[in-house]
Amino acid sequence: MERSCSDSVEITNQTFSALEELNVAMSYHADWLKDLIRGLLCHEPARPENLAPDAHHRCRFGRWYDGAGRHWFKDEPLFADLDERHQAMHDAARQLLQQHQPGTPVDPAAYERFMELAISFQMEARQFQYTLLQRVCAVDQLTGAGNRYAMFHRLIEEKERAGRTEHPCVIALMDMDHFKQINDVYGHIAGDIVLKSVAQYLTRSLRKYDSIFRYGGEEFLICLPDTALKTAEKRLEQLREGLAELTIPIGAAMPLRLTASFGLGYLRPGFPIQDSIQHVDDALRKAKEAGRNRIEIAH
């Protein structure tokens, strides 16, 4: 099912909440590790839950993993890997505790194996956090479109693919006409509503493998992989016409209608990405100079 920009914003907010919970869960793990090492050094009796075959389910991190963690991350591939490393760490801890006799030195080999697994688990958890954070940082928080960070990563991929397969990729810069007047007359909250509405309209109207990114201000970059220039021009003409017919409610005021200008061109495999963007930006400038609400092709 295709996701809208508002869906992306909601998913981003949920991911932030889930990351906060994961941080708390990792602090549980740190406390557990500290208690276990103190018990070994101080010759304290092993806690019964640490000797259980299902110890990885009984600790506070394990209870979080089986509950809230599974709710948030059940579809994430790295989440299953995290469980495997967590279980392996607890299995090694149980073997270490079973072999250790109070008042005698800890077996160095068993302790080293346990610590390697504990560090590996911690690194895996931090990598999982980093992966989720990268995803969150790739979304523009206002519109739900990709941000510049995500844009350049996607364009690098599409440039490489276009060069390898010789299937053209087209990019376009879209700028909303007279957007400053909306902010000046109706206020910045109304301007934000317009930006979100336009991003949602573009996302609904594009193919599922096309991409939209907020390039800056009221400008959006659209990436159309495996698309010839003439085909892309027709598709963007439909977007331009549909956008001109779109009515955007902004509260008590009359619904707004607006238009947009487009600069269109190829993502060229043999040139830097910024050069391709500059070419379509030049075409966009020509579209605005020619009266706006039109498409210009970069040659």
C-alpha atoms as a PDB file:
ATOM      1  CA  MET A   1       0.000   0.000   0.000  1.00  0.00           C
ATOM      2  CA  GLU A   2       1.374   3.409  -0.987  1.00  0.00           C
ATOM      3  CA  ARG A   3       2.149   5.759   1.885  1.00  0.00           C
ATOM      4  CA  SER A   4       1.221   9.416   1.876  1.00  0.00           C
ATOM      5  CA  CYS A   5       3.429  12.203   3.207  1.00  0.00           C
ATOM      6  CA  SER A   6       1.209  12.480   6.294  1.00  0.00           C
ATOM      7  CA  ASP A   7       1.791   8.758   6.849  1.00  0.00           C
ATOM      8  CA  SER A   8       5.542   9.412   6.679  1.00  0.00           C
ATOM      9  CA  VAL A   9       5.306  12.130   9.315  1.00  0.00           C
ATOM     10  CA  GLU A  10       3.281   9.844  11.605  1.00  0.00           C
ATOM     11  CA  ILE A  11       5.749   6.997  11.082  1.00  0.00           C
ATOM     12  CA  THR A  12       8.607   9.369  11.902  1.00  0.00           C
ATOM     13  CA  ASN A  13       6.923  10.473  15.146  1.00  0.00           C
ATOM     14  CA  GLN A  14       6.311   6.852  16.103  1.00  0.00           C
ATOM     15  CA  THR A  15       9.939   5.987  15.370  1.00  0.00           C
ATOM     16  CA  PHE A  16      11.126   8.768  17.684  1.00  0.00           C
ATOM     17  CA  SER A  17       8.921   7.359  20.459  1.00  0.00           C
ATOM     18  CA  ALA A  18      10.189   3.856  19.792  1.00  0.00           C
ATOM     19  CA  LEU A  19      13.814   5.040  19.878  1.00  0.00           C
ATOM     20  CA  GLU A  20      13.198   6.609  23.279  1.00  0.00           C
ATOM     21  CA  GLU A  21      11.833   3.300  24.557  1.00  0.00           C
ATOM     22  CA  LEU A  22      14.807   1.448  23.074  1.00  0.00           C
ATOM     23  CA  ASN A  23      17.184   3.789  24.922  1.00  0.00           C
ATOM     24  CA  VAL A  24      15.431   2.998  28.196  1.00  0.00           C
ATOM     25  CA  ALA A  25      15.590  -0.729  27.412  1.00  0.00           C
ATOM     26  CA  MET A  26      19.325  -0.481  26.745  1.00  0.00           C
ATOM     27  CA  SER A  27      19.782   1.208  30.119  1.00  0.00           C
ATOM     28  CA  TYR A  28      18.078  -1.872  31.635  1.00  0.00           C
ATOM     29  CA  HIS A  29      20.714  -4.014  29.940  1.00  0.00           C
ATOM     30  CA  ALA A  30      23.544  -1.844  31.296  1.00  0.00           C
ATOM     31  CA  ASP A  31      22.132  -2.196  34.836  1.00  0.00           C
ATOM     32  CA  TRP A  32      21.842  -5.964  34.398  1.00  0.00           C
ATOM     33  CA  LEU A  33      25.451  -6.229  33.190  1.00  0.00           C
ATOM     34  CA  LYS A  34      26.710  -4.083  36.075  1.00  0.00           C
ATOM     35  CA  ASP A  35      24.865  -6.259  38.632  1.00  0.00           C
ATOM     36  CA  LEU A  36      26.166  -9.482  37.108  1.00  0.00           C
ATOM     37  CA  ILE A  37      29.806  -8.357  37.145  1.00  0.00           C
ATOM     38  CA  ARG A  38      29.456  -7.029  40.712  1.00  0.00           C
ATOM     39  CA  GLY A  39      28.093 -10.416  41.761  1.00  0.00           C
ATOM     40  CA  LEU A  40      31.094 -12.191  40.258  1.00  0.00           C
ATOM     41  CA  LEU A  41      33.619  -9.817  41.827  1.00  0.00           C
ATOM     42  CA  CYS A  42      31.917  -9.785  45.232  1.00  0.00           C
ATOM     43  CA  HIS A  43      31.244 -13.546  45.212  1.00  0.00           C
ATOM     44  CA  GLU A  44      27.490 -13.059  45.523  1.00  0.00           C
ATOM     45  CA  PRO A  45      25.119 -15.947  44.813  1.00  0.00           C
ATOM     46  CA  ALA A  46      23.805 -16.019  41.257  1.00  0.00           C
ATOM     47  CA  ARG A  47      20.281 -14.725  40.846  1.00  0.00           C
ATOM     48  CA  PRO A  48      17.814 -17.500  39.914  1.00  0.00           C
ATOM     49  CA  GLU A  49      16.509 -15.627  36.851  1.00  0.00           C
ATOM     50  CA  ASN A  50      20.043 -15.507  35.407  1.00  0.00           C
ATOM     51  CA  LEU A  51      20.303 -19.314  35.661  1.00  0.00           C
ATOM     52  CA  ALA A  52      17.010 -20.008  33.882  1.00  0.00           C
ATOM     53  CA  PRO A  53      17.127 -21.398  30.304  1.00  0.00           C
ATOM     54  CA  ASP A  54      14.841 -18.557  29.246  1.00  0.00           C
ATOM     55  CA  ALA A  55      16.824 -15.861  31.078  1.00  0.00           C
ATOM     56  CA  HIS A  56      16.818 -13.630  27.983  1.00  0.00           C
ATOM     57  CA  HIS A  57      13.020 -13.373  28.320  1.00  0.00           C
ATOM     58  CA  ARG A  58      13.097 -12.674  32.074  1.00  0.00           C
ATOM     59  CA  CYS A  59      15.441  -9.686  32.209  1.00  0.00           C
ATOM     60  CA  ARG A  60      13.948  -6.199  31.850  1.00  0.00           C
ATOM     61  CA  PHE A  61      15.367  -5.772  28.341  1.00  0.00           C
ATOM     62  CA  GLY A  62      13.895  -9.129  27.340  1.00  0.00           C
ATOM     63  CA  ARG A  63      10.486  -8.192  28.709  1.00  0.00           C
ATOM     64  CA  TRP A  64      10.635  -4.946  26.735  1.00  0.00           C
ATOM     65  CA  TYR A  65      11.709  -6.851  23.617  1.00  0.00           C
ATOM     66  CA  ASP A  66       8.823  -9.302  23.853  1.00  0.00           C
ATOM     67  CA  GLY A  67       6.299  -6.544  24.551  1.00  0.00           C
ATOM     68  CA  ALA A  68       6.669  -2.965  23.376  1.00  0.00           C
ATOM     69  CA  GLY A  69       9.762  -3.728  21.287  1.00  0.00           C
ATOM     70  CA  ARG A  70       7.998  -6.376  19.226  1.00  0.00           C
ATOM     71  CA  HIS A  71       5.056  -4.007  18.791  1.00  0.00           C
ATOM     72  CA  TRP A  72       7.297  -1.290  17.352  1.00  0.00           C
ATOM     73  CA  PHE A  73       9.870  -3.291  15.403  1.00  0.00           C
ATOM     74  CA  LYS A  74       8.471  -6.724  14.512  1.00  0.00           C
ATOM     75  CA  ASP A  75       8.931  -6.080  10.767  1.00  0.00           C
ATOM     76  CA  GLU A  76      12.533  -4.869  11.080  1.00  0.00           C
ATOM     77  CA  PRO A  77      15.099  -7.503   9.960  1.00  0.00           C
ATOM     78  CA  LEU A  78      17.760  -6.275  12.412  1.00  0.00           C
ATOM     79  CA  PHE A  79      15.311  -6.694  15.293  1.00  0.00           C
ATOM     80  CA  ALA A  80      15.415 -10.501  14.983  1.00  0.00           C
ATOM     81  CA  ASP A  81      19.230 -10.411  14.898  1.00  0.00           C
ATOM     82  CA  LEU A  82      19.148  -8.423  18.125  1.00  0.00           C
ATOM     83  CA  ASP A  83      17.159 -11.176  19.818  1.00  0.00           C
ATOM     84  CA  GLU A  84      19.644 -13.829  18.708  1.00  0.00           C
ATOM     85  CA  ARG A  85      22.600 -11.893  20.123  1.00  0.00           C
ATOM     86  CA  HIS A  86      20.710 -11.156  23.337  1.00  0.00           C
ATOM     87  CA  GLN A  87      19.950 -14.845  23.838  1.00  0.00           C
ATOM     88  CA  ALA A  88      23.544 -15.873  23.081  1.00  0.00           C
ATOM     89  CA  MET A  89      24.795 -13.363  25.657  1.00  0.00           C
ATOM     90  CA  HIS A  90      22.446 -14.737  28.336  1.00  0.00           C
ATOM     91  CA  ASP A  91      23.394 -18.327  27.485  1.00  0.00           C
ATOM     92  CA  ALA A  92      27.067 -17.456  27.982  1.00  0.00           C
ATOM     93  CA  ALA A  93      26.239 -15.660  31.244  1.00  0.00           C
ATOM     94  CA  ARG A  94      24.356 -18.703  32.513  1.00  0.00           C
ATOM     95  CA  GLN A  95      27.278 -21.022  31.679  1.00  0.00           C
ATOM     96  CA  LEU A  96      29.692 -18.623  33.390  1.00  0.00           C
ATOM     97  CA  LEU A  97      27.561 -18.487  36.540  1.00  0.00           C
ATOM     98  CA  GLN A  98      27.065 -22.263  36.611  1.00  0.00           C
ATOM     99  CA  GLN A  99      30.814 -22.891  36.349  1.00  0.00           C
ATOM    100  CA  HIS A 100      31.829 -20.252  38.849  1.00  0.00           C
ATOM    101  CA  GLN A 101      32.133 -21.208  42.490  1.00  0.00           C
ATOM    102  CA  PRO A 102      31.899 -18.437  45.131  1.00  0.00           C
ATOM    103  CA  GLY A 103      35.331 -17.703  46.585  1.00  0.00           C
ATOM    104  CA  THR A 104      37.252 -18.953  43.538  1.00  0.00           C
ATOM    105  CA  PRO A 105      38.579 -16.961  40.559  1.00  0.00           C
ATOM    106  CA  VAL A 106      36.368 -16.569  37.517  1.00  0.00           C
ATOM    107  CA  ASP A 107      37.330 -18.772  34.572  1.00  0.00           C
ATOM    108  CA  PRO A 108      39.093 -16.327  32.177  1.00  0.00           C
ATOM    109  CA  ALA A 109      37.989 -18.128  29.006  1.00  0.00           C
ATOM    110  CA  ALA A 110      34.321 -18.243  30.044  1.00  0.00           C
ATOM    111  CA  TYR A 111      34.406 -14.621  31.163  1.00  0.00           C
ATOM    112  CA  GLU A 112      36.065 -13.486  27.931  1.00  0.00           C
ATOM    113  CA  ARG A 113      33.497 -15.314  25.802  1.00  0.00           C
ATOM    114  CA  PHE A 114      30.652 -13.775  27.793  1.00  0.00           C
ATOM    115  CA  MET A 115      32.082 -10.243  27.504  1.00  0.00           C
ATOM    116  CA  GLU A 116      32.615 -10.621  23.758  1.00  0.00           C
ATOM    117  CA  LEU A 117      28.952 -11.549  23.363  1.00  0.00           C
ATOM    118  CA  ALA A 118      27.840  -8.736  25.682  1.00  0.00           C
ATOM    119  CA  ILE A 119      29.821  -6.169  23.681  1.00  0.00           C
ATOM    120  CA  SER A 120      28.570  -7.656  20.420  1.00  0.00           C
ATOM    121  CA  PHE A 121      24.988  -7.361  21.649  1.00  0.00           C
ATOM    122  CA  GLN A 122      25.508  -3.744  22.664  1.00  0.00           C
ATOM    123  CA  MET A 123      27.065  -2.888  19.286  1.00  0.00           C
ATOM    124  CA  GLU A 124      24.204  -4.593  17.460  1.00  0.00           C
ATOM    125  CA  ALA A 125      21.667  -2.597  19.474  1.00  0.00           C
ATOM    126  CA  ARG A 126      23.467   0.678  18.736  1.00  0.00           C
ATOM    127  CA  GLN A 127      23.626  -0.202  15.032  1.00  0.00           C
ATOM    128  CA  PHE A 128      19.891  -0.867  15.119  1.00  0.00           C
ATOM    129  CA  GLN A 129      19.335   2.535  16.708  1.00  0.00           C
ATOM    130  CA  TYR A 130      21.573   4.195  14.129  1.00  0.00           C
ATOM    131  CA  THR A 131      19.686   2.575  11.253  1.00  0.00           C
ATOM    132  CA  LEU A 132      16.360   3.827  12.593  1.00  0.00           C
ATOM    133  CA  LEU A 133      17.774   7.276  13.259  1.00  0.00           C
ATOM    134  CA  GLN A 134      19.093   7.505   9.699  1.00  0.00           C
ATOM    135  CA  ARG A 135      15.600   6.741   8.448  1.00  0.00           C
ATOM    136  CA  VAL A 136      14.067   9.425  10.642  1.00  0.00           C
ATOM    137  CA  CYS A 137      16.693  11.970   9.587  1.00  0.00           C
ATOM    138  CA  ALA A 138      15.848  11.341   5.928  1.00  0.00           C
ATOM    139  CA  VAL A 139      12.313  12.762   6.257  1.00  0.00           C
ATOM    140  CA  ASP A 140      11.315  16.412   6.147  1.00  0.00           C
ATOM    141  CA  GLN A 141       9.334  16.822   9.355  1.00  0.00           C
ATOM    142  CA  LEU A 142       6.840  19.329   7.944  1.00  0.00           C
ATOM    143  CA  THR A 143       5.836  17.729   4.660  1.00  0.00           C
ATOM    144  CA  GLY A 144       6.795  14.065   5.058  1.00  0.00           C
ATOM    145  CA  ALA A 145       8.763  14.224   1.810  1.00  0.00           C
ATOM    146  CA  GLY A 146      12.395  13.183   1.764  1.00  0.00           C
ATOM    147  CA  ASN A 147      14.941  15.795   2.783  1.00  0.00           C
ATOM    148  CA  ARG A 148      18.184  16.733   1.036  1.00  0.00           C
ATOM    149  CA  TYR A 149      20.098  14.007   2.844  1.00  0.00           C
ATOM    150  CA  ALA A 150      17.749  11.375   1.449  1.00  0.00           C
ATOM    151  CA  MET A 151      17.631  13.120  -1.924  1.00  0.00           C
ATOM    152  CA  PHE A 152      21.353  12.857  -2.575  1.00  0.00           C
ATOM    153  CA  HIS A 153      21.448   9.212  -1.492  1.00  0.00           C
ATOM    154  CA  ARG A 154      18.607   8.405  -3.891  1.00  0.00           C
ATOM    155  CA  LEU A 155      20.122  10.384  -6.757  1.00  0.00           C
ATOM    156  CA  ILE A 156      23.466   8.636  -6.287  1.00  0.00           C
ATOM    157  CA  GLU A 157      21.669   5.288  -6.611  1.00  0.00           C
ATOM    158  CA  GLU A 158      19.659   6.365  -9.646  1.00  0.00           C
ATOM    159  CA  LYS A 159      22.669   7.904 -11.379  1.00  0.00           C
ATOM    160  CA  GLU A 160      24.591   4.654 -10.961  1.00  0.00           C
ATOM    161  CA  ARG A 161      21.601   2.632 -12.175  1.00  0.00           C
ATOM    162  CA  ALA A 162      21.069   4.867 -15.195  1.00  0.00           C
ATOM    163  CA  GLY A 163      24.725   4.521 -16.190  1.00  0.00           C
ATOM    164  CA  ARG A 164      24.702   0.757 -15.722  1.00  0.00           C
ATOM    165  CA  THR A 165      21.382  -0.051 -17.409  1.00  0.00           C
ATOM    166  CA  GLU A 166      21.280   2.853 -19.904  1.00  0.00           C
ATOM    167  CA  HIS A 167      17.688   3.495 -18.771  1.00  0.00           C
ATOM    168  CA  PRO A 168      17.210   7.255 -18.402  1.00  0.00           C
ATOM    169  CA  CYS A 169      16.314   8.935 -15.142  1.00  0.00           C
ATOM    170  CA  VAL A 170      14.629  12.339 -15.142  1.00  0.00           C
ATOM    171  CA  ILE A 171      14.633  14.875 -12.338  1.00  0.00           C
ATOM    172  CA  ALA A 172      12.501  17.988 -11.979  1.00  0.00           C
ATOM    173  CA  LEU A 173      12.521  20.993  -9.688  1.00  0.00           C
ATOM    174  CA  MET A 174       9.096  22.403  -8.830  1.00  0.00           C
ATOM    175  CA  ASP A 175       8.604  25.836  -7.292  1.00  0.00           C
ATOM    176  CA  MET A 176       5.211  27.089  -6.084  1.00  0.00           C
ATOM    177  CA  ASP A 177       4.324  30.365  -7.750  1.00  0.00           C
ATOM    178  CA  HIS A 178       4.013  33.469  -5.537  1.00  0.00           C
ATOM    179  CA  PHE A 179       4.316  31.395  -2.369  1.00  0.00           C
ATOM    180  CA  LYS A 180       5.702  34.366  -0.423  1.00  0.00           C
ATOM    181  CA  GLN A 181       2.356  36.117  -0.850  1.00  0.00           C
ATOM    182  CA  ILE A 182       0.611  33.253   0.960  1.00  0.00           C
ATOM    183  CA  ASN A 183       2.878  33.686   3.973  1.00  0.00           C
ATOM    184  CA  ASP A 184       2.543  37.464   3.864  1.00  0.00           C
ATOM    185  CA  VAL A 185      -1.259  37.531   3.538  1.00  0.00           C
ATOM    186  CA  TYR A 186      -2.393  34.442   5.454  1.00  0.00           C
ATOM    187  CA  GLY A 187       0.550  33.743   7.760  1.00  0.00           C
ATOM    188  CA  HIS A 188       3.165  31.032   8.035  1.00  0.00           C
ATOM    189  CA  ILE A 189       0.762  28.451   9.482  1.00  0.00           C
ATOM    190  CA  ALA A 190      -1.283  28.703   6.300  1.00  0.00           C
ATOM    191  CA  GLY A 191       1.939  28.412   4.331  1.00  0.00           C
ATOM    192  CA  ASP A 192       2.797  25.199   6.198  1.00  0.00           C
ATOM    193  CA  ILE A 193      -0.660  23.791   5.394  1.00  0.00           C
ATOM    194  CA  VAL A 194      -0.081  24.558   1.724  1.00  0.00           C
ATOM    195  CA  LEU A 195       3.325  22.877   1.733  1.00  0.00           C
ATOM    196  CA  LYS A 196       1.925  19.731   3.343  1.00  0.00           C
ATOM    197  CA  SER A 197      -1.079  19.645   1.010  1.00  0.00           C
ATOM    198  CA  VAL A 198       1.085  20.015  -2.090  1.00  0.00           C
ATOM    199  CA  ALA A 199       3.491  17.305  -0.908  1.00  0.00           C
ATOM    200  CA  GLN A 200       0.563  14.947  -0.279  1.00  0.00           C
ATOM    201  CA  TYR A 201      -0.888  15.703  -3.708  1.00  0.00           C
ATOM    202  CA  LEU A 202       2.431  14.992  -5.429  1.00  0.00           C
ATOM    203  CA  THR A 203       2.934  11.752  -3.506  1.00  0.00           C
ATOM    204  CA  ARG A 204      -0.558  10.518  -4.408  1.00  0.00           C
ATOM    205  CA  SER A 205      -0.036  11.397  -8.058  1.00  0.00           C
ATOM    206  CA  LEU A 206       3.397   9.846  -8.608  1.00  0.00           C
ATOM    207  CA  ARG A 207       4.228   6.208  -9.276  1.00  0.00           C
ATOM    208  CA  LYS A 208       5.250   4.134  -6.268  1.00  0.00           C
ATOM    209  CA  TYR A 209       8.899   4.039  -7.403  1.00  0.00           C
ATOM    210  CA  ASP A 210       9.088   7.791  -8.081  1.00  0.00           C
ATOM    211  CA  SER A 211      10.419  10.002  -5.284  1.00  0.00           C
ATOM    212  CA  ILE A 212       9.724  13.484  -3.967  1.00  0.00           C
ATOM    213  CA  PHE A 213      12.079  15.534  -1.813  1.00  0.00           C
ATOM    214  CA  ARG A 214      11.799  18.936  -0.230  1.00  0.00           C
ATOM    215  CA  TYR A 215      14.683  20.785  -1.861  1.00  0.00           C
ATOM    216  CA  GLY A 216      14.261  23.988   0.113  1.00  0.00           C
ATOM    217  CA  GLY A 217      11.538  26.458   1.057  1.00  0.00           C
ATOM    218  CA  GLU A 218       8.658  25.893  -1.367  1.00  0.00           C
ATOM    219  CA  GLU A 219      10.786  23.921  -3.859  1.00  0.00           C
ATOM    220  CA  PHE A 220      10.472  20.161  -4.345  1.00  0.00           C
ATOM    221  CA  LEU A 221      12.699  17.842  -6.366  1.00  0.00           C
ATOM    222  CA  ILE A 222      10.968  14.970  -8.147  1.00  0.00           C
ATOM    223  CA  CYS A 223      12.903  11.892  -9.305  1.00  0.00           C
ATOM    224  CA  LEU A 224      11.404   9.788 -12.119  1.00  0.00           C
ATOM    225  CA  PRO A 225      13.523   6.650 -12.720  1.00  0.00           C
ATOM    226  CA  ASP A 226      13.427   4.703 -15.978  1.00  0.00           C
ATOM    227  CA  THR A 227      11.556   7.511 -17.736  1.00  0.00           C
ATOM    228  CA  ALA A 228      12.197   9.237 -21.066  1.00  0.00           C
ATOM    229  CA  LEU A 229      12.158  13.013 -21.154  1.00  0.00           C
ATOM    230  CA  LYS A 230       8.979  13.318 -23.254  1.00  0.00           C
ATOM    231  CA  THR A 231       7.137  10.848 -21.025  1.00  0.00           C
ATOM    232  CA  ALA A 232       8.253  12.767 -17.954  1.00  0.00           C
ATOM    233  CA  GLU A 233       7.090  16.036 -19.512  1.00  0.00           C
ATOM    234  CA  LYS A 234       3.601  14.619 -20.075  1.00  0.00           C
ATOM    235  CA  ARG A 235       3.462  13.286 -16.529  1.00  0.00           C
ATOM    236  CA  LEU A 236       4.527  16.597 -15.043  1.00  0.00           C
ATOM    237  CA  GLU A 237       2.062  18.443 -17.238  1.00  0.00           C
ATOM    238  CA  GLN A 238      -0.669  16.354 -15.611  1.00  0.00           C
ATOM    239  CA  LEU A 239       0.756  17.235 -12.200  1.00  0.00           C
ATOM    240  CA  ARG A 240       0.866  20.923 -13.099  1.00  0.00           C
ATOM    241  CA  GLU A 241      -2.753  20.922 -14.298  1.00  0.00           C
ATOM    242  CA  GLY A 242      -3.955  18.943 -11.284  1.00  0.00           C
ATOM    243  CA  LEU A 243      -2.135  21.245  -8.898  1.00  0.00           C
ATOM    244  CA  ALA A 244      -3.782  24.305 -10.487  1.00  0.00           C
ATOM    245  CA  GLU A 245      -7.194  22.718  -9.814  1.00  0.00           C
ATOM    246  CA  LEU A 246      -6.371  21.802  -6.218  1.00  0.00           C
ATOM    247  CA  THR A 247      -8.184  23.721  -3.475  1.00  0.00           C
ATOM    248  CA  ILE A 248      -6.465  23.890  -0.102  1.00  0.00           C
ATOM    249  CA  PRO A 249      -8.533  24.755   3.015  1.00  0.00           C
ATOM    250  CA  ILE A 250      -6.609  26.985   5.428  1.00  0.00           C
ATOM    251  CA  GLY A 251      -9.142  27.525   8.210  1.00  0.00           C
ATOM    252  CA  ALA A 252     -11.575  30.422   8.294  1.00  0.00           C
ATOM    253  CA  ALA A 253     -10.262  31.984   5.084  1.00  0.00           C
ATOM    254  CA  MET A 254     -11.431  30.967   1.625  1.00  0.00           C
ATOM    255  CA  PRO A 255      -9.675  27.827   0.295  1.00  0.00           C
ATOM    256  CA  LEU A 256      -6.497  28.632  -1.608  1.00  0.00           C
ATOM    257  CA  ARG A 257      -5.618  27.729  -5.158  1.00  0.00           C
ATOM    258  CA  LEU A 258      -2.118  27.981  -6.520  1.00  0.00           C
ATOM    259  CA  THR A 259       0.093  27.067  -9.461  1.00  0.00           C
ATOM    260  CA  ALA A 260       3.659  25.848  -9.828  1.00  0.00           C
ATOM    261  CA  SER A 261       6.529  26.092 -12.284  1.00  0.00           C
ATOM    262  CA  PHE A 262       8.782  23.195 -13.284  1.00  0.00           C
ATOM    263  CA  GLY A 263      12.297  22.711 -14.620  1.00  0.00           C
ATOM    264  CA  LEU A 264      12.883  19.297 -16.134  1.00  0.00           C
ATOM    265  CA  GLY A 265      15.944  17.389 -17.339  1.00  0.00           C
ATOM    266  CA  TYR A 266      17.959  14.176 -17.270  1.00  0.00           C
ATOM    267  CA  LEU A 267      20.020  12.968 -14.344  1.00  0.00           C
ATOM    268  CA  ARG A 268      23.185  12.602 -16.397  1.00  0.00           C
ATOM    269  CA  PRO A 269      25.414   9.615 -15.503  1.00  0.00           C
ATOM    270  CA  GLY A 270      28.641  11.206 -16.730  1.00  0.00           C
ATOM    271  CA  PHE A 271      28.362  14.409 -14.674  1.00  0.00           C
ATOM    272  CA  PRO A 272      28.199  15.390 -10.992  1.00  0.00           C
ATOM    273  CA  ILE A 273      24.701  15.271  -9.513  1.00  0.00           C
ATOM    274  CA  GLN A 274      24.856  18.947  -8.618  1.00  0.00           C
ATOM    275  CA  ASP A 275      25.416  19.772 -12.295  1.00  0.00           C
ATOM    276  CA  SER A 276      22.203  17.965 -13.266  1.00  0.00           C
ATOM    277  CA  ILE A 277      20.317  19.801 -10.529  1.00  0.00           C
ATOM    278  CA  GLN A 278      21.771  23.102 -11.706  1.00  0.00           C
ATOM    279  CA  HIS A 279      20.541  22.429 -15.253  1.00  0.00           C
ATOM    280  CA  VAL A 280      16.951  21.834 -14.120  1.00  0.00           C
ATOM    281  CA  ASP A 281      17.207  24.813 -11.772  1.00  0.00           C
ATOM    282  CA  ASP A 282      18.173  26.981 -14.766  1.00  0.00           C
ATOM    283  CA  ALA A 283      15.157  25.600 -16.644  1.00  0.00           C
ATOM    284  CA  LEU A 284      12.934  26.375 -13.650  1.00  0.00           C
ATOM    285  CA  ARG A 285      14.181  29.954 -13.633  1.00  0.00           C
ATOM    286  CA  LYS A 286      13.293  30.252 -17.330  1.00  0.00           C
ATOM    287  CA  ALA A 287       9.792  28.897 -16.597  1.00  0.00           C
ATOM    288  CA  LYS A 288       9.257  31.595 -13.975  1.00  0.00           C
ATOM    289  CA  GLU A 289      10.661  34.305 -16.240  1.00  0.00           C
ATOM    290  CA  ALA A 290       8.304  33.167 -19.020  1.00  0.00           C
ATOM    291  CA  GLY A 291       5.218  33.776 -16.861  1.00  0.00           C
ATOM    292  CA  ARG A 292       5.154  30.842 -14.372  1.00  0.00           C
ATOM    293  CA  ASN A 293       2.700  27.913 -14.257  1.00  0.00           C
ATOM    294  CA  ARG A 294       4.614  26.135 -17.009  1.00  0.00           C
ATOM    295  CA  ILE A 295       7.310  23.534 -17.681  1.00  0.00           C
ATOM    296  CA  GLU A 296      10.720  24.215 -19.182  1.00  0.00           C
ATOM    297  CA  ILE A 297      13.101  21.481 -20.308  1.00  0.00           C
ATOM    298  CA  ALA A 298      16.844  21.698 -19.646  1.00  0.00           C
ATOM    299  CA  HIS A 299      18.941  21.043 -22.743  1.00  0.00           C
END
